């Protein structure tokens, strides 16, 4: 389950990959080979993959609409080694793959998205 903008989505997550990306204001190597940089912060970004739509196609469709909603940022509750936490960010590269169309009903697999943090992680 994932919580987005205060709404719970009951679609199982099958894979989570987290990265701690360092973002520099600048990074420059001088002629003597020494690197000089000013770090803005560490951003926690995620790759998420969800279970296929077989069990609850309505909930899956609701999640798809939320992930592809044309808004600048979302509030997303995720988890790390310390438990749950909420952060602001946006979804990028959201995609899924059609398995089959049966009686006019689409069945999807491989729903995946990237979550990019809006601000660096504090603490």
C-alpha atoms as a PDB file:
ATOM      1  CA  UNK A   1       0.000   0.000   0.000  1.00  0.00           C
ATOM      2  CA  UNK A   2       1.069   3.585  -0.654  1.00  0.00           C
ATOM      3  CA  UNK A   3      -0.377   6.886   0.578  1.00  0.00           C
ATOM      4  CA  UNK A   4      -0.483   9.796  -1.889  1.00  0.00           C
ATOM      5  CA  UNK A   5      -1.951  13.199  -0.987  1.00  0.00           C
ATOM      6  CA  UNK A   6      -3.540  11.632   2.087  1.00  0.00           C
ATOM      7  CA  UNK A   7      -5.271   8.846   0.113  1.00  0.00           C
ATOM      8  CA  UNK A   8      -4.406   5.180   0.621  1.00  0.00           C
ATOM      9  CA  UNK A   9      -4.071   3.039  -2.492  1.00  0.00           C
ATOM     10  CA  UNK A  10      -4.490  -0.678  -1.885  1.00  0.00           C
ATOM     11  CA  UNK A  11      -2.295  -1.926  -4.722  1.00  0.00           C
ATOM     12  CA  UNK A  12       0.587  -4.104  -3.537  1.00  0.00           C
ATOM     13  CA  UNK A  13       4.090  -2.789  -4.150  1.00  0.00           C
ATOM     14  CA  UNK A  14       6.310  -5.540  -5.546  1.00  0.00           C
ATOM     15  CA  UNK A  15       9.588  -3.616  -5.693  1.00  0.00           C
ATOM     16  CA  UNK A  16      11.095  -0.510  -4.121  1.00  0.00           C
ATOM     17  CA  UNK A  17      14.495   0.865  -4.984  1.00  0.00           C
ATOM     18  CA  UNK A  18      15.734   3.913  -3.082  1.00  0.00           C
ATOM     19  CA  UNK A  19      18.611   6.203  -3.956  1.00  0.00           C
ATOM     20  CA  UNK A  20      20.235   8.963  -1.927  1.00  0.00           C
ATOM     21  CA  UNK A  21      21.196  11.447  -4.626  1.00  0.00           C
ATOM     22  CA  UNK A  22      23.667  14.225  -3.792  1.00  0.00           C
ATOM     23  CA  UNK A  23      22.890  17.499  -5.546  1.00  0.00           C
ATOM     24  CA  UNK A  24      25.595  20.139  -5.837  1.00  0.00           C
ATOM     25  CA  UNK A  25      25.128  23.863  -6.261  1.00  0.00           C
ATOM     26  CA  UNK A  26      28.445  23.645  -8.063  1.00  0.00           C
ATOM     27  CA  UNK A  27      31.276  21.167  -8.454  1.00  0.00           C
ATOM     28  CA  UNK A  28      34.502  22.218 -10.107  1.00  0.00           C
ATOM     29  CA  UNK A  29      37.945  20.685 -10.340  1.00  0.00           C
ATOM     30  CA  UNK A  30      40.812  23.164 -10.279  1.00  0.00           C
ATOM     31  CA  UNK A  31      44.058  22.859 -12.280  1.00  0.00           C
ATOM     32  CA  UNK A  32      45.763  21.091  -9.374  1.00  0.00           C
ATOM     33  CA  UNK A  33      43.175  18.302  -9.607  1.00  0.00           C
ATOM     34  CA  UNK A  34      41.342  19.135  -6.387  1.00  0.00           C
ATOM     35  CA  UNK A  35      37.538  19.000  -6.466  1.00  0.00           C
ATOM     36  CA  UNK A  36      35.670  21.922  -4.928  1.00  0.00           C
ATOM     37  CA  UNK A  37      31.942  21.642  -4.418  1.00  0.00           C
ATOM     38  CA  UNK A  38      29.014  23.096  -2.551  1.00  0.00           C
ATOM     39  CA  UNK A  39      26.449  20.477  -1.606  1.00  0.00           C
ATOM     40  CA  UNK A  40      22.798  21.547  -1.670  1.00  0.00           C
ATOM     41  CA  UNK A  41      21.637  18.367  -0.003  1.00  0.00           C
ATOM     42  CA  UNK A  42      20.770  14.686  -0.208  1.00  0.00           C
ATOM     43  CA  UNK A  43      17.565  13.815  -2.042  1.00  0.00           C
ATOM     44  CA  UNK A  44      15.823  10.479  -1.398  1.00  0.00           C
ATOM     45  CA  UNK A  45      14.345   9.260  -4.685  1.00  0.00           C
ATOM     46  CA  UNK A  46      12.462   6.019  -5.324  1.00  0.00           C
ATOM     47  CA  UNK A  47      11.674   3.560  -8.091  1.00  0.00           C
ATOM     48  CA  UNK A  48       8.384   1.758  -7.382  1.00  0.00           C
ATOM     49  CA  UNK A  49       6.800  -1.241  -9.111  1.00  0.00           C
ATOM     50  CA  UNK A  50       3.240  -2.347  -8.353  1.00  0.00           C
ATOM     51  CA  UNK A  51       1.416  -5.670  -8.694  1.00  0.00           C
ATOM     52  CA  UNK A  52      -0.697  -6.358 -11.827  1.00  0.00           C
ATOM     53  CA  UNK A  53      -4.317  -5.200 -12.035  1.00  0.00           C
ATOM     54  CA  UNK A  54      -5.906  -8.682 -11.775  1.00  0.00           C
ATOM     55  CA  UNK A  55      -7.064  -8.517  -8.147  1.00  0.00           C
ATOM     56  CA  UNK A  56      -8.591  -5.033  -8.022  1.00  0.00           C
ATOM     57  CA  UNK A  57      -8.791  -3.305 -11.379  1.00  0.00           C
ATOM     58  CA  UNK A  58     -10.757  -0.313 -10.022  1.00  0.00           C
ATOM     59  CA  UNK A  59      -8.118   0.423  -7.367  1.00  0.00           C
ATOM     60  CA  UNK A  60      -5.348  -0.086  -9.915  1.00  0.00           C
ATOM     61  CA  UNK A  61      -7.045   2.397 -12.284  1.00  0.00           C
ATOM     62  CA  UNK A  62      -7.419   4.915  -9.438  1.00  0.00           C
ATOM     63  CA  UNK A  63      -3.689   4.610  -8.669  1.00  0.00           C
ATOM     64  CA  UNK A  64      -2.788   5.016 -12.356  1.00  0.00           C
ATOM     65  CA  UNK A  65      -4.848   8.209 -12.532  1.00  0.00           C
ATOM     66  CA  UNK A  66      -3.177   9.572  -9.383  1.00  0.00           C
ATOM     67  CA  UNK A  67       0.340   8.754 -10.579  1.00  0.00           C
ATOM     68  CA  UNK A  68      -0.307  10.427 -13.939  1.00  0.00           C
ATOM     69  CA  UNK A  69      -2.226  13.396 -12.540  1.00  0.00           C
ATOM     70  CA  UNK A  70      -0.972  16.706 -14.012  1.00  0.00           C
ATOM     71  CA  UNK A  71       0.056  18.421 -10.775  1.00  0.00           C
ATOM     72  CA  UNK A  72       3.444  19.833  -9.846  1.00  0.00           C
ATOM     73  CA  UNK A  73       3.968  17.926  -6.578  1.00  0.00           C
ATOM     74  CA  UNK A  74       2.420  15.226  -4.425  1.00  0.00           C
ATOM     75  CA  UNK A  75       2.701  14.381  -0.752  1.00  0.00           C
ATOM     76  CA  UNK A  76       3.793  10.738  -0.566  1.00  0.00           C
ATOM     77  CA  UNK A  77       4.208   8.529   2.465  1.00  0.00           C
ATOM     78  CA  UNK A  78       7.076   6.126   1.959  1.00  0.00           C
ATOM     79  CA  UNK A  79       9.341   4.245   4.288  1.00  0.00           C
ATOM     80  CA  UNK A  80      13.012   3.814   5.047  1.00  0.00           C
ATOM     81  CA  UNK A  81      15.112   2.156   7.732  1.00  0.00           C
ATOM     82  CA  UNK A  82      13.455   4.348  10.408  1.00  0.00           C
ATOM     83  CA  UNK A  83       9.861   3.583   9.355  1.00  0.00           C
ATOM     84  CA  UNK A  84       7.256   5.708   7.594  1.00  0.00           C
ATOM     85  CA  UNK A  85       7.821   9.278   6.575  1.00  0.00           C
ATOM     86  CA  UNK A  86       6.126  11.735   4.249  1.00  0.00           C
ATOM     87  CA  UNK A  87       7.844  13.878   1.652  1.00  0.00           C
ATOM     88  CA  UNK A  88       6.924  16.107  -1.250  1.00  0.00           C
ATOM     89  CA  UNK A  89       7.921  15.280  -4.794  1.00  0.00           C
ATOM     90  CA  UNK A  90       6.699  14.328  -8.231  1.00  0.00           C
ATOM     91  CA  UNK A  91       6.214  11.156 -10.232  1.00  0.00           C
ATOM     92  CA  UNK A  92       8.234  10.731 -13.422  1.00  0.00           C
ATOM     93  CA  UNK A  93       8.337   8.030 -16.069  1.00  0.00           C
ATOM     94  CA  UNK A  94       5.095   6.396 -14.950  1.00  0.00           C
ATOM     95  CA  UNK A  95       4.267   3.494 -17.241  1.00  0.00           C
ATOM     96  CA  UNK A  96       2.488   0.178 -17.443  1.00  0.00           C
ATOM     97  CA  UNK A  97       2.106  -2.601 -19.962  1.00  0.00           C
ATOM     98  CA  UNK A  98      -1.102  -4.164 -21.267  1.00  0.00           C
ATOM     99  CA  UNK A  99      -1.238  -7.938 -20.807  1.00  0.00           C
ATOM    100  CA  UNK A 100      -4.564  -8.534 -22.536  1.00  0.00           C
ATOM    101  CA  UNK A 101      -7.981  -7.136 -23.279  1.00  0.00           C
ATOM    102  CA  UNK A 102     -10.746  -9.529 -22.251  1.00  0.00           C
ATOM    103  CA  UNK A 103     -14.454  -8.682 -22.699  1.00  0.00           C
ATOM    104  CA  UNK A 104     -13.558  -5.017 -23.043  1.00  0.00           C
ATOM    105  CA  UNK A 105     -11.582  -5.033 -19.761  1.00  0.00           C
ATOM    106  CA  UNK A 106      -7.851  -4.201 -19.882  1.00  0.00           C
ATOM    107  CA  UNK A 107      -5.461  -6.196 -17.715  1.00  0.00           C
ATOM    108  CA  UNK A 108      -2.202  -4.434 -16.897  1.00  0.00           C
ATOM    109  CA  UNK A 109       1.188  -5.449 -15.531  1.00  0.00           C
ATOM    110  CA  UNK A 110       4.458  -3.723 -14.760  1.00  0.00           C
ATOM    111  CA  UNK A 111       3.039  -0.479 -13.361  1.00  0.00           C
ATOM    112  CA  UNK A 112       6.140   1.436 -12.391  1.00  0.00           C
ATOM    113  CA  UNK A 113       7.069   4.986 -11.558  1.00  0.00           C
ATOM    114  CA  UNK A 114       9.929   7.102 -10.276  1.00  0.00           C
ATOM    115  CA  UNK A 115       9.391   9.418  -7.336  1.00  0.00           C
ATOM    116  CA  UNK A 116      11.681  12.465  -7.343  1.00  0.00           C
ATOM    117  CA  UNK A 117      12.025  14.430  -4.098  1.00  0.00           C
ATOM    118  CA  UNK A 118      11.198  18.149  -4.123  1.00  0.00           C
ATOM    119  CA  UNK A 119      13.620  19.040  -1.336  1.00  0.00           C
ATOM    120  CA  UNK A 120      16.620  17.467   0.362  1.00  0.00           C
ATOM    121  CA  UNK A 121      16.059  15.118   3.248  1.00  0.00           C
ATOM    122  CA  UNK A 122      16.723  16.701   6.611  1.00  0.00           C
ATOM    123  CA  UNK A 123      18.231  14.828   9.523  1.00  0.00           C
END
